[in-house]
Amino acid sequence: MIPFIKKEFITFNETLYYVIEIVRMSDNPDVEKLKENWHADIVLKKEDKFFFLRSIPDLEIIED
């Protein structure tokens, strides 16, 4: 059995990010600690949620 893989992405400032995790503000998370533990590049806040994101680097096609 293949585990479920989230496929959520966000574009912010012309950069594509993979959503690692979404945490409710009401859970009073230690944002800096979670950011470090999850290796997030950036944390965004929208409404009552924190979005922990990892950037997706630009890819280049390399010909054989």
PDB file of N, CA and C in Angstrom:
ATOM      1  N   MET A   1       0.840  -1.192   0.000  1.00  0.00           N
ATOM      2  CA  MET A   1       0.000   0.000   0.000  1.00  0.00           C
ATOM      3  C   MET A   1       0.882   1.253   0.000  1.00  0.00           C
ATOM      4  N   ILE A   2       0.574   2.200  -0.843  1.00  0.00           N
ATOM      5  CA  ILE A   2       1.326   3.452  -0.944  1.00  0.00           C
ATOM      6  C   ILE A   2       0.685   4.478  -0.023  1.00  0.00           C
ATOM      7  N   PRO A   3       1.484   5.115   0.858  1.00  0.00           N
ATOM      8  CA  PRO A   3       0.903   6.118   1.757  1.00  0.00           C
ATOM      9  C   PRO A   3       0.419   7.339   0.980  1.00  0.00           C
ATOM     10  N   PHE A   4      -0.553   8.017   1.552  1.00  0.00           N
ATOM     11  CA  PHE A   4      -1.109   9.227   0.949  1.00  0.00           C
ATOM     12  C   PHE A   4      -0.058  10.337   0.969  1.00  0.00           C
ATOM     13  N   ILE A   5       0.127  10.999  -0.134  1.00  0.00           N
ATOM     14  CA  ILE A   5       1.060  12.120  -0.244  1.00  0.00           C
ATOM     15  C   ILE A   5       0.268  13.373  -0.582  1.00  0.00           C
ATOM     16  N   LYS A   6       0.437  14.386   0.267  1.00  0.00           N
ATOM     17  CA  LYS A   6      -0.236  15.652  -0.008  1.00  0.00           C
ATOM     18  C   LYS A   6       0.363  16.299  -1.250  1.00  0.00           C
ATOM     19  N   LYS A   7      -0.482  16.938  -2.011  1.00  0.00           N
ATOM     20  CA  LYS A   7      -0.011  17.627  -3.212  1.00  0.00           C
ATOM     21  C   LYS A   7      -0.545  19.049  -3.208  1.00  0.00           C
ATOM     22  N   GLU A   8      -0.156  19.791  -2.213  1.00  0.00           N
ATOM     23  CA  GLU A   8      -0.601  21.170  -2.121  1.00  0.00           C
ATOM     24  C   GLU A   8       0.579  22.093  -2.406  1.00  0.00           C
ATOM     25  N   PHE A   9       0.321  23.082  -3.244  1.00  0.00           N
ATOM     26  CA  PHE A   9       1.361  24.030  -3.628  1.00  0.00           C
ATOM     27  C   PHE A   9       0.806  25.445  -3.533  1.00  0.00           C
ATOM     28  N   ILE A  10       1.704  26.384  -3.262  1.00  0.00           N
ATOM     29  CA  ILE A  10       1.347  27.803  -3.174  1.00  0.00           C
ATOM     30  C   ILE A  10       2.404  28.582  -3.953  1.00  0.00           C
ATOM     31  N   THR A  11       1.959  29.563  -4.728  1.00  0.00           N
ATOM     32  CA  THR A  11       2.893  30.484  -5.372  1.00  0.00           C
ATOM     33  C   THR A  11       2.860  31.782  -4.582  1.00  0.00           C
ATOM     34  N   PHE A  12       4.036  32.227  -4.162  1.00  0.00           N
ATOM     35  CA  PHE A  12       4.164  33.454  -3.377  1.00  0.00           C
ATOM     36  C   PHE A  12       5.400  34.186  -3.875  1.00  0.00           C
ATOM     37  N   ASN A  13       5.248  35.451  -4.227  1.00  0.00           N
ATOM     38  CA  ASN A  13       6.351  36.258  -4.780  1.00  0.00           C
ATOM     39  C   ASN A  13       7.051  35.544  -5.941  1.00  0.00           C
ATOM     40  N   GLU A  14       6.253  34.998  -6.822  1.00  0.00           N
ATOM     41  CA  GLU A  14       6.735  34.341  -8.037  1.00  0.00           C
ATOM     42  C   GLU A  14       7.611  33.111  -7.761  1.00  0.00           C
ATOM     43  N   THR A  15       7.466  32.526  -6.582  1.00  0.00           N
ATOM     44  CA  THR A  15       8.180  31.298  -6.233  1.00  0.00           C
ATOM     45  C   THR A  15       7.155  30.231  -5.888  1.00  0.00           C
ATOM     46  N   LEU A  16       7.399  29.018  -6.357  1.00  0.00           N
ATOM     47  CA  LEU A  16       6.504  27.908  -6.078  1.00  0.00           C
ATOM     48  C   LEU A  16       6.953  27.208  -4.796  1.00  0.00           C
ATOM     49  N   TYR A  17       5.989  26.963  -3.901  1.00  0.00           N
ATOM     50  CA  TYR A  17       6.272  26.314  -2.623  1.00  0.00           C
ATOM     51  C   TYR A  17       5.397  25.084  -2.449  1.00  0.00           C
ATOM     52  N   TYR A  18       5.985  24.059  -1.819  1.00  0.00           N
ATOM     53  CA  TYR A  18       5.258  22.862  -1.419  1.00  0.00           C
ATOM     54  C   TYR A  18       4.770  23.084   0.002  1.00  0.00           C
ATOM     55  N   VAL A  19       3.500  22.790   0.278  1.00  0.00           N
ATOM     56  CA  VAL A  19       2.937  22.958   1.618  1.00  0.00           C
ATOM     57  C   VAL A  19       3.318  21.735   2.448  1.00  0.00           C
ATOM     58  N   ILE A  20       4.182  21.936   3.430  1.00  0.00           N
ATOM     59  CA  ILE A  20       4.605  20.852   4.307  1.00  0.00           C
ATOM     60  C   ILE A  20       3.494  20.541   5.303  1.00  0.00           C
ATOM     61  N   GLU A  21       2.974  21.606   5.921  1.00  0.00           N
ATOM     62  CA  GLU A  21       1.961  21.425   6.959  1.00  0.00           C
ATOM     63  C   GLU A  21       1.185  22.715   7.138  1.00  0.00           C
ATOM     64  N   ILE A  22      -0.065  22.579   7.586  1.00  0.00           N
ATOM     65  CA  ILE A  22      -0.915  23.720   7.934  1.00  0.00           C
ATOM     66  C   ILE A  22      -1.316  23.532   9.394  1.00  0.00           C
ATOM     67  N   VAL A  23      -1.082  24.572  10.209  1.00  0.00           N
ATOM     68  CA  VAL A  23      -1.355  24.486  11.641  1.00  0.00           C
ATOM     69  C   VAL A  23      -2.269  25.642  12.038  1.00  0.00           C
ATOM     70  N   ARG A  24      -3.276  25.330  12.814  1.00  0.00           N
ATOM     71  CA  ARG A  24      -4.187  26.371  13.306  1.00  0.00           C
ATOM     72  C   ARG A  24      -3.492  27.241  14.350  1.00  0.00           C
ATOM     73  N   MET A  25      -3.737  28.533  14.302  1.00  0.00           N
ATOM     74  CA  MET A  25      -3.165  29.453  15.279  1.00  0.00           C
ATOM     75  C   MET A  25      -3.686  29.157  16.676  1.00  0.00           C
ATOM     76  N   SER A  26      -4.907  28.657  16.764  1.00  0.00           N
ATOM     77  CA  SER A  26      -5.508  28.363  18.069  1.00  0.00           C
ATOM     78  C   SER A  26      -4.767  27.246  18.803  1.00  0.00           C
ATOM     79  N   ASP A  27      -3.928  26.482  18.083  1.00  0.00           N
ATOM     80  CA  ASP A  27      -3.118  25.437  18.719  1.00  0.00           C
ATOM     81  C   ASP A  27      -1.881  26.014  19.410  1.00  0.00           C
ATOM     82  N   ASN A  28      -1.676  27.330  19.279  1.00  0.00           N
ATOM     83  CA  ASN A  28      -0.533  28.035  19.864  1.00  0.00           C
ATOM     84  C   ASN A  28       0.800  27.342  19.557  1.00  0.00           C
ATOM     85  N   PRO A  29       1.104  27.161  18.280  1.00  0.00           N
ATOM     86  CA  PRO A  29       2.333  26.450  17.931  1.00  0.00           C
ATOM     87  C   PRO A  29       3.583  27.300  18.174  1.00  0.00           C
ATOM     88  N   ASP A  30       4.694  26.630  18.428  1.00  0.00           N
ATOM     89  CA  ASP A  30       5.991  27.287  18.485  1.00  0.00           C
ATOM     90  C   ASP A  30       6.480  27.330  17.035  1.00  0.00           C
ATOM     91  N   VAL A  31       6.167  28.417  16.351  1.00  0.00           N
ATOM     92  CA  VAL A  31       6.378  28.521  14.907  1.00  0.00           C
ATOM     93  C   VAL A  31       7.843  28.321  14.530  1.00  0.00           C
ATOM     94  N   GLU A  32       8.758  28.950  15.245  1.00  0.00           N
ATOM     95  CA  GLU A  32      10.184  28.830  14.905  1.00  0.00           C
ATOM     96  C   GLU A  32      10.685  27.397  15.073  1.00  0.00           C
ATOM     97  N   LYS A  33      10.242  26.741  16.120  1.00  0.00           N
ATOM     98  CA  LYS A  33      10.664  25.352  16.346  1.00  0.00           C
ATOM     99  C   LYS A  33      10.108  24.428  15.261  1.00  0.00           C
ATOM    100  N   LEU A  34       8.834  24.600  14.910  1.00  0.00           N
ATOM    101  CA  LEU A  34       8.242  23.779  13.862  1.00  0.00           C
ATOM    102  C   LEU A  34       8.901  24.056  12.515  1.00  0.00           C
ATOM    103  N   LYS A  35       9.193  25.321  12.256  1.00  0.00           N
ATOM    104  CA  LYS A  35       9.861  25.684  10.999  1.00  0.00           C
ATOM    105  C   LYS A  35      11.206  24.965  10.892  1.00  0.00           C
ATOM    106  N   GLU A  36      11.947  24.941  11.975  1.00  0.00           N
ATOM    107  CA  GLU A  36      13.244  24.260  11.989  1.00  0.00           C
ATOM    108  C   GLU A  36      13.074  22.743  11.857  1.00  0.00           C
ATOM    109  N   ASN A  37      12.155  22.168  12.618  1.00  0.00           N
ATOM    110  CA  ASN A  37      11.948  20.713  12.607  1.00  0.00           C
ATOM    111  C   ASN A  37      11.479  20.214  11.247  1.00  0.00           C
ATOM    112  N   TRP A  38      10.628  20.983  10.578  1.00  0.00           N
ATOM    113  CA  TRP A  38      10.077  20.569   9.289  1.00  0.00           C
ATOM    114  C   TRP A  38      10.920  21.071   8.108  1.00  0.00           C
ATOM    115  N   HIS A  39      12.024  21.757   8.397  1.00  0.00           N
ATOM    116  CA  HIS A  39      12.912  22.293   7.360  1.00  0.00           C
ATOM    117  C   HIS A  39      12.148  23.177   6.375  1.00  0.00           C
ATOM    118  N   ALA A  40      11.257  23.990   6.921  1.00  0.00           N
ATOM    119  CA  ALA A  40      10.481  24.916   6.099  1.00  0.00           C
ATOM    120  C   ALA A  40      11.351  26.120   5.743  1.00  0.00           C
ATOM    121  N   ASP A  41      11.192  26.594   4.523  1.00  0.00           N
ATOM    122  CA  ASP A  41      11.925  27.785   4.088  1.00  0.00           C
ATOM    123  C   ASP A  41      11.222  29.060   4.513  1.00  0.00           C
ATOM    124  N   ILE A  42       9.908  28.989   4.630  1.00  0.00           N
ATOM    125  CA  ILE A  42       9.111  30.176   4.933  1.00  0.00           C
ATOM    126  C   ILE A  42       7.821  29.741   5.621  1.00  0.00           C
ATOM    127  N   VAL A  43       7.283  30.616   6.458  1.00  0.00           N
ATOM    128  CA  VAL A  43       5.992  30.375   7.100  1.00  0.00           C
ATOM    129  C   VAL A  43       5.096  31.566   6.773  1.00  0.00           C
ATOM    130  N   LEU A  44       3.932  31.272   6.236  1.00  0.00           N
ATOM    131  CA  LEU A  44       2.965  32.321   5.929  1.00  0.00           C
ATOM    132  C   LEU A  44       1.753  32.174   6.844  1.00  0.00           C
ATOM    133  N   LYS A  45       1.120  33.312   7.126  1.00  0.00           N
ATOM    134  CA  LYS A  45      -0.073  33.303   7.961  1.00  0.00           C
ATOM    135  C   LYS A  45      -1.241  33.814   7.131  1.00  0.00           C
ATOM    136  N   LYS A  46      -2.329  33.066   7.135  1.00  0.00           N
ATOM    137  CA  LYS A  46      -3.536  33.490   6.449  1.00  0.00           C
ATOM    138  C   LYS A  46      -4.718  33.136   7.328  1.00  0.00           C
ATOM    139  N   GLU A  47      -5.544  34.150   7.581  1.00  0.00           N
ATOM    140  CA  GLU A  47      -6.704  33.994   8.454  1.00  0.00           C
ATOM    141  C   GLU A  47      -6.242  33.412   9.788  1.00  0.00           C
ATOM    142  N   ASP A  48      -6.645  32.205  10.136  1.00  0.00           N
ATOM    143  CA  ASP A  48      -6.290  31.634  11.438  1.00  0.00           C
ATOM    144  C   ASP A  48      -5.338  30.450  11.307  1.00  0.00           C
ATOM    145  N   LYS A  49      -4.514  30.435  10.234  1.00  0.00           N
ATOM    146  CA  LYS A  49      -3.632  29.293   9.989  1.00  0.00           C
ATOM    147  C   LYS A  49      -2.232  29.739   9.624  1.00  0.00           C
ATOM    148  N   PHE A  50      -1.263  28.896  10.020  1.00  0.00           N
ATOM    149  CA  PHE A  50       0.119  29.044   9.584  1.00  0.00           C
ATOM    150  C   PHE A  50       0.377  28.005   8.503  1.00  0.00           C
ATOM    151  N   PHE A  51       1.018  28.423   7.425  1.00  0.00           N
ATOM    152  CA  PHE A  51       1.374  27.529   6.330  1.00  0.00           C
ATOM    153  C   PHE A  51       2.898  27.381   6.333  1.00  0.00           C
ATOM    154  N   PHE A  52       3.385  26.180   6.577  1.00  0.00           N
ATOM    155  CA  PHE A  52       4.814  25.889   6.566  1.00  0.00           C
ATOM    156  C   PHE A  52       5.169  25.408   5.165  1.00  0.00           C
ATOM    157  N   LEU A  53       6.083  26.135   4.513  1.00  0.00           N
ATOM    158  CA  LEU A  53       6.348  25.908   3.093  1.00  0.00           C
ATOM    159  C   LEU A  53       7.818  25.635   2.811  1.00  0.00           C
ATOM    160  N   ARG A  54       8.052  24.812   1.798  1.00  0.00           N
ATOM    161  CA  ARG A  54       9.405  24.542   1.303  1.00  0.00           C
ATOM    162  C   ARG A  54       9.441  24.946  -0.158  1.00  0.00           C
ATOM    163  N   SER A  55      10.439  25.738  -0.526  1.00  0.00           N
ATOM    164  CA  SER A  55      10.519  26.219  -1.906  1.00  0.00           C
ATOM    165  C   SER A  55      10.905  25.094  -2.857  1.00  0.00           C
ATOM    166  N   ILE A  56      10.407  25.208  -4.070  1.00  0.00           N
ATOM    167  CA  ILE A  56      10.736  24.265  -5.140  1.00  0.00           C
ATOM    168  C   ILE A  56      11.651  25.019  -6.091  1.00  0.00           C
ATOM    169  N   PRO A  57      12.883  24.535  -6.239  1.00  0.00           N
ATOM    170  CA  PRO A  57      13.836  25.264  -7.091  1.00  0.00           C
ATOM    171  C   PRO A  57      13.419  25.184  -8.561  1.00  0.00           C
ATOM    172  N   ASP A  58      13.844  26.203  -9.298  1.00  0.00           N
ATOM    173  CA  ASP A  58      13.619  26.190 -10.744  1.00  0.00           C
ATOM    174  C   ASP A  58      14.409  25.035 -11.338  1.00  0.00           C
ATOM    175  N   LEU A  59      13.810  24.393 -12.314  1.00  0.00           N
ATOM    176  CA  LEU A  59      14.454  23.255 -12.949  1.00  0.00           C
ATOM    177  C   LEU A  59      14.928  23.636 -14.346  1.00  0.00           C
ATOM    178  N   GLU A  60      16.008  23.038 -14.740  1.00  0.00           N
ATOM    179  CA  GLU A  60      16.524  23.239 -16.090  1.00  0.00           C
ATOM    180  C   GLU A  60      16.604  21.902 -16.798  1.00  0.00           C
ATOM    181  N   ILE A  61      16.282  21.896 -18.066  1.00  0.00           N
ATOM    182  CA  ILE A  61      16.379  20.677 -18.862  1.00  0.00           C
ATOM    183  C   ILE A  61      17.830  20.531 -19.299  1.00  0.00           C
ATOM    184  N   ILE A  62      18.373  19.374 -18.996  1.00  0.00           N
ATOM    185  CA  ILE A  62      19.745  19.071 -19.401  1.00  0.00           C
ATOM    186  C   ILE A  62      19.668  17.981 -20.459  1.00  0.00           C
ATOM    187  N   GLU A  63      20.207  18.282 -21.618  1.00  0.00           N
ATOM    188  CA  GLU A  63      20.167  17.313 -22.706  1.00  0.00           C
ATOM    189  C   GLU A  63      21.291  16.315 -22.561  1.00  0.00           C
ATOM    190  N   ASP A  64      20.997  15.079 -22.932  1.00  0.00           N
ATOM    191  CA  ASP A  64      22.002  14.004 -22.855  1.00  0.00           C
ATOM    192  C   ASP A  64      23.059  14.167 -23.906  1.00  0.00           C
TER     193      ASP A  64
END
